[in-house]
């Protein structure tokens, strides 16, 4: 089980980093991959009593959630996006 958590944390973290670095429309999903990595590393850290790793991954989990909320719930307008219609909120 520890080996599985370790490698899941590693692979999902690499995928998340690669997606964010690609800076494409799909990059926002990198935060979901990071979240999976965070959960795996927290499980691994608790099982091995690596409390520094657990602390770091808890902080990174907050960053991953912030990224997900920013990109999916409060996505800022990009310069090429059309301006919202003044009638859109009526």
N, C-alpha and C. Protein backbone atom coordinates (compact mmCIF):
# COMPACT_ATOMS: atom_id res chain seq x y z
N UNK A 1 0.82 -1.20 0.00
CA UNK A 1 0.00 0.00 0.00
C UNK A 1 0.87 1.26 0.00
N UNK A 2 1.95 1.24 0.80
CA UNK A 2 2.83 2.41 0.83
C UNK A 2 3.46 2.68 -0.53
N UNK A 3 3.87 1.62 -1.18
CA UNK A 3 4.49 1.77 -2.50
C UNK A 3 3.49 2.36 -3.49
N UNK A 4 2.24 1.93 -3.41
CA UNK A 4 1.19 2.46 -4.28
C UNK A 4 0.98 3.95 -4.03
N UNK A 5 0.86 4.36 -2.76
CA UNK A 5 0.68 5.77 -2.43
C UNK A 5 1.87 6.61 -2.91
N UNK A 6 3.06 6.09 -2.71
CA UNK A 6 4.26 6.81 -3.12
C UNK A 6 4.28 7.06 -4.63
N UNK A 7 4.01 6.01 -5.41
CA UNK A 7 4.05 6.16 -6.85
C UNK A 7 2.86 6.92 -7.41
N UNK A 8 1.69 6.78 -6.80
CA UNK A 8 0.54 7.60 -7.22
C UNK A 8 0.83 9.07 -6.97
N UNK A 9 1.40 9.38 -5.80
CA UNK A 9 1.76 10.76 -5.50
C UNK A 9 2.76 11.32 -6.49
N UNK A 10 3.73 10.51 -6.84
CA UNK A 10 4.76 10.91 -7.79
C UNK A 10 4.17 11.13 -9.18
N UNK A 11 3.47 10.16 -9.69
CA UNK A 11 2.97 10.23 -11.07
C UNK A 11 1.92 11.33 -11.24
N UNK A 12 0.99 11.43 -10.31
CA UNK A 12 -0.04 12.47 -10.43
C UNK A 12 0.56 13.87 -10.27
N UNK A 13 1.58 14.00 -9.45
CA UNK A 13 2.26 15.29 -9.32
C UNK A 13 2.98 15.68 -10.60
N UNK A 14 3.61 14.72 -11.26
CA UNK A 14 4.29 14.99 -12.53
C UNK A 14 3.29 15.38 -13.60
N UNK A 15 2.17 14.66 -13.67
CA UNK A 15 1.14 14.98 -14.66
C UNK A 15 0.59 16.39 -14.40
N UNK A 16 0.31 16.71 -13.14
CA UNK A 16 -0.20 18.04 -12.81
C UNK A 16 0.78 19.14 -13.19
N UNK A 17 2.04 18.94 -12.89
CA UNK A 17 3.07 19.93 -13.23
C UNK A 17 3.17 20.13 -14.74
N UNK A 18 3.13 19.03 -15.45
CA UNK A 18 3.23 19.09 -16.91
C UNK A 18 2.03 19.83 -17.51
N UNK A 19 0.85 19.55 -16.98
CA UNK A 19 -0.35 20.22 -17.50
C UNK A 19 -0.30 21.72 -17.25
N UNK A 20 0.13 22.13 -16.05
CA UNK A 20 0.21 23.55 -15.77
C UNK A 20 1.28 24.23 -16.61
N UNK A 21 2.41 23.56 -16.79
CA UNK A 21 3.50 24.14 -17.58
C UNK A 21 3.14 24.28 -19.05
N UNK A 22 2.24 23.43 -19.54
CA UNK A 22 1.84 23.49 -20.95
C UNK A 22 1.09 24.78 -21.27
N UNK A 23 0.46 25.38 -20.28
CA UNK A 23 -0.26 26.64 -20.43
C UNK A 23 -1.25 26.58 -21.60
N UNK A 24 -2.11 25.58 -21.57
CA UNK A 24 -3.15 25.41 -22.59
C UNK A 24 -4.51 25.50 -21.91
N UNK A 25 -5.55 25.34 -22.69
CA UNK A 25 -6.90 25.37 -22.12
C UNK A 25 -7.10 24.24 -21.10
N UNK A 26 -6.40 23.13 -21.27
CA UNK A 26 -6.53 22.00 -20.36
C UNK A 26 -5.67 22.16 -19.10
N UNK A 27 -4.86 23.20 -19.03
CA UNK A 27 -3.95 23.37 -17.89
C UNK A 27 -4.67 23.44 -16.55
N UNK A 28 -5.88 23.95 -16.55
CA UNK A 28 -6.62 24.07 -15.29
C UNK A 28 -6.79 22.71 -14.61
N UNK A 29 -6.82 21.63 -15.38
CA UNK A 29 -6.98 20.29 -14.81
C UNK A 29 -5.72 19.85 -14.06
N UNK A 30 -4.63 20.56 -14.24
CA UNK A 30 -3.42 20.26 -13.49
C UNK A 30 -3.64 20.33 -11.99
N UNK A 31 -4.51 21.25 -11.56
CA UNK A 31 -4.80 21.37 -10.13
C UNK A 31 -5.53 20.15 -9.59
N UNK A 32 -6.38 19.54 -10.41
CA UNK A 32 -7.06 18.31 -9.99
C UNK A 32 -6.04 17.18 -9.83
N UNK A 33 -5.08 17.11 -10.76
CA UNK A 33 -4.02 16.10 -10.65
C UNK A 33 -3.17 16.36 -9.41
N UNK A 34 -2.88 17.63 -9.16
CA UNK A 34 -2.14 17.98 -7.94
C UNK A 34 -2.90 17.55 -6.69
N UNK A 35 -4.20 17.75 -6.69
CA UNK A 35 -5.02 17.37 -5.53
C UNK A 35 -4.92 15.87 -5.29
N UNK A 36 -4.95 15.08 -6.35
CA UNK A 36 -4.78 13.63 -6.21
C UNK A 36 -3.40 13.31 -5.65
N UNK A 37 -2.40 14.04 -6.11
CA UNK A 37 -1.03 13.86 -5.61
C UNK A 37 -0.96 14.20 -4.12
N UNK A 38 -1.58 15.32 -3.73
CA UNK A 38 -1.58 15.74 -2.34
C UNK A 38 -2.18 14.68 -1.43
N UNK A 39 -3.32 14.13 -1.84
CA UNK A 39 -3.99 13.10 -1.04
C UNK A 39 -3.10 11.87 -0.89
N UNK A 40 -2.47 11.47 -1.99
CA UNK A 40 -1.58 10.30 -1.93
C UNK A 40 -0.40 10.55 -1.00
N UNK A 41 0.22 11.73 -1.12
CA UNK A 41 1.38 12.03 -0.27
C UNK A 41 0.99 12.19 1.20
N UNK A 42 -0.20 12.71 1.47
CA UNK A 42 -0.66 12.81 2.86
C UNK A 42 -0.83 11.41 3.43
N UNK A 43 -1.44 10.50 2.67
CA UNK A 43 -1.58 9.12 3.13
C UNK A 43 -0.23 8.47 3.38
N UNK A 44 0.69 8.68 2.46
CA UNK A 44 2.03 8.13 2.61
C UNK A 44 2.73 8.73 3.84
N UNK A 45 2.61 10.03 4.00
CA UNK A 45 3.25 10.71 5.13
C UNK A 45 2.70 10.28 6.48
N UNK A 46 1.40 10.11 6.57
CA UNK A 46 0.80 9.65 7.83
C UNK A 46 1.26 8.23 8.13
N UNK A 47 1.25 7.37 7.11
CA UNK A 47 1.64 5.97 7.31
C UNK A 47 3.10 5.83 7.74
N UNK A 48 3.94 6.73 7.26
CA UNK A 48 5.37 6.65 7.59
C UNK A 48 5.78 7.64 8.68
N UNK A 49 4.80 8.36 9.21
CA UNK A 49 5.02 9.37 10.25
C UNK A 49 6.01 10.45 9.80
N UNK A 50 5.91 10.83 8.54
CA UNK A 50 6.74 11.90 7.98
C UNK A 50 5.93 13.20 8.09
N UNK A 51 5.94 13.78 9.28
CA UNK A 51 5.05 14.90 9.58
C UNK A 51 5.40 16.17 8.81
N UNK A 52 6.65 16.34 8.45
CA UNK A 52 7.02 17.47 7.60
C UNK A 52 6.38 17.36 6.23
N UNK A 53 6.39 16.15 5.68
CA UNK A 53 5.75 15.90 4.40
C UNK A 53 4.25 16.12 4.49
N UNK A 54 3.63 15.65 5.56
CA UNK A 54 2.19 15.84 5.76
C UNK A 54 1.86 17.32 5.83
N UNK A 55 2.64 18.07 6.60
CA UNK A 55 2.40 19.52 6.74
C UNK A 55 2.51 20.21 5.39
N UNK A 56 3.56 19.90 4.64
CA UNK A 56 3.74 20.50 3.33
C UNK A 56 2.58 20.15 2.40
N UNK A 57 2.15 18.90 2.40
CA UNK A 57 1.08 18.48 1.50
C UNK A 57 -0.27 19.07 1.91
N UNK A 58 -0.48 19.31 3.20
CA UNK A 58 -1.70 20.00 3.62
C UNK A 58 -1.72 21.42 3.08
N UNK A 59 -0.57 22.09 3.12
CA UNK A 59 -0.48 23.44 2.56
C UNK A 59 -0.70 23.39 1.05
N UNK A 60 -0.07 22.42 0.37
CA UNK A 60 -0.24 22.29 -1.07
C UNK A 60 -1.68 21.93 -1.44
N UNK A 61 -2.38 21.21 -0.56
CA UNK A 61 -3.79 20.91 -0.80
C UNK A 61 -4.59 22.20 -0.84
N UNK A 62 -4.29 23.11 0.08
CA UNK A 62 -4.95 24.42 0.07
C UNK A 62 -4.69 25.17 -1.23
N UNK A 63 -3.46 25.12 -1.71
CA UNK A 63 -3.11 25.77 -2.98
C UNK A 63 -3.85 25.10 -4.13
N UNK A 64 -3.94 23.78 -4.12
CA UNK A 64 -4.64 23.06 -5.18
C UNK A 64 -6.12 23.42 -5.21
N UNK A 65 -6.74 23.50 -4.04
CA UNK A 65 -8.16 23.88 -3.96
C UNK A 65 -8.33 25.32 -4.45
N UNK A 66 -7.43 26.21 -4.04
CA UNK A 66 -7.47 27.60 -4.50
C UNK A 66 -7.40 27.65 -6.03
N UNK A 67 -6.49 26.88 -6.61
CA UNK A 67 -6.35 26.84 -8.07
C UNK A 67 -7.61 26.33 -8.74
N UNK A 68 -8.20 25.28 -8.19
CA UNK A 68 -9.43 24.74 -8.77
C UNK A 68 -10.56 25.76 -8.71
N UNK A 69 -10.72 26.42 -7.56
CA UNK A 69 -11.78 27.43 -7.42
C UNK A 69 -11.53 28.58 -8.38
N UNK A 70 -10.29 29.03 -8.45
CA UNK A 70 -9.95 30.16 -9.32
C UNK A 70 -10.25 29.84 -10.78
N UNK A 71 -9.88 28.67 -11.23
CA UNK A 71 -10.03 28.33 -12.63
C UNK A 71 -11.43 27.87 -13.02
N UNK A 72 -12.16 27.28 -12.08
CA UNK A 72 -13.47 26.74 -12.44
C UNK A 72 -14.64 27.59 -11.95
N UNK A 73 -14.51 28.23 -10.82
CA UNK A 73 -15.64 28.99 -10.29
C UNK A 73 -15.49 30.50 -10.53
N UNK A 74 -14.27 30.99 -10.50
CA UNK A 74 -14.04 32.44 -10.63
C UNK A 74 -13.00 32.71 -11.70
N UNK A 75 -13.18 32.11 -12.85
CA UNK A 75 -12.18 32.27 -13.91
C UNK A 75 -12.18 33.71 -14.39
N UNK A 76 -11.02 34.37 -14.31
CA UNK A 76 -10.96 35.75 -14.79
C UNK A 76 -11.08 35.81 -16.31
N UNK A 77 -11.60 36.92 -16.79
CA UNK A 77 -11.70 37.09 -18.24
C UNK A 77 -10.30 37.24 -18.81
N UNK A 78 -10.07 36.58 -19.93
CA UNK A 78 -8.81 36.77 -20.65
C UNK A 78 -9.04 37.86 -21.68
N UNK A 79 -7.98 38.49 -22.15
CA UNK A 79 -8.13 39.63 -23.08
C UNK A 79 -8.96 39.30 -24.32
N UNK A 80 -8.94 38.07 -24.81
CA UNK A 80 -9.69 37.75 -26.03
C UNK A 80 -11.14 37.34 -25.75
N UNK A 81 -11.53 37.23 -24.47
CA UNK A 81 -12.91 36.89 -24.15
C UNK A 81 -13.80 38.10 -24.41
N UNK A 82 -15.01 37.87 -24.93
CA UNK A 82 -15.91 39.01 -25.13
C UNK A 82 -16.36 39.59 -23.78
N UNK A 83 -16.60 40.86 -23.79
CA UNK A 83 -17.10 41.52 -22.58
C UNK A 83 -18.50 41.00 -22.28
N UNK A 84 -18.85 40.88 -21.01
CA UNK A 84 -20.21 40.40 -20.69
C UNK A 84 -21.26 41.44 -21.11
N UNK A 85 -22.39 40.93 -21.53
CA UNK A 85 -23.48 41.81 -21.94
C UNK A 85 -24.03 42.53 -20.71
N UNK A 86 -24.37 43.82 -20.84
CA UNK A 86 -24.96 44.53 -19.69
C UNK A 86 -26.30 43.95 -19.28
N UNK A 87 -26.92 43.16 -20.17
CA UNK A 87 -28.22 42.56 -19.86
C UNK A 87 -28.09 41.15 -19.28
N UNK A 88 -26.88 40.68 -19.12
CA UNK A 88 -26.66 39.30 -18.68
C UNK A 88 -27.08 39.07 -17.23
N UNK A 89 -27.12 40.11 -16.43
CA UNK A 89 -27.40 39.95 -15.00
C UNK A 89 -28.79 40.42 -14.62
N UNK A 90 -29.67 40.58 -15.56
CA UNK A 90 -31.03 41.02 -15.24
C UNK A 90 -31.93 39.87 -15.03
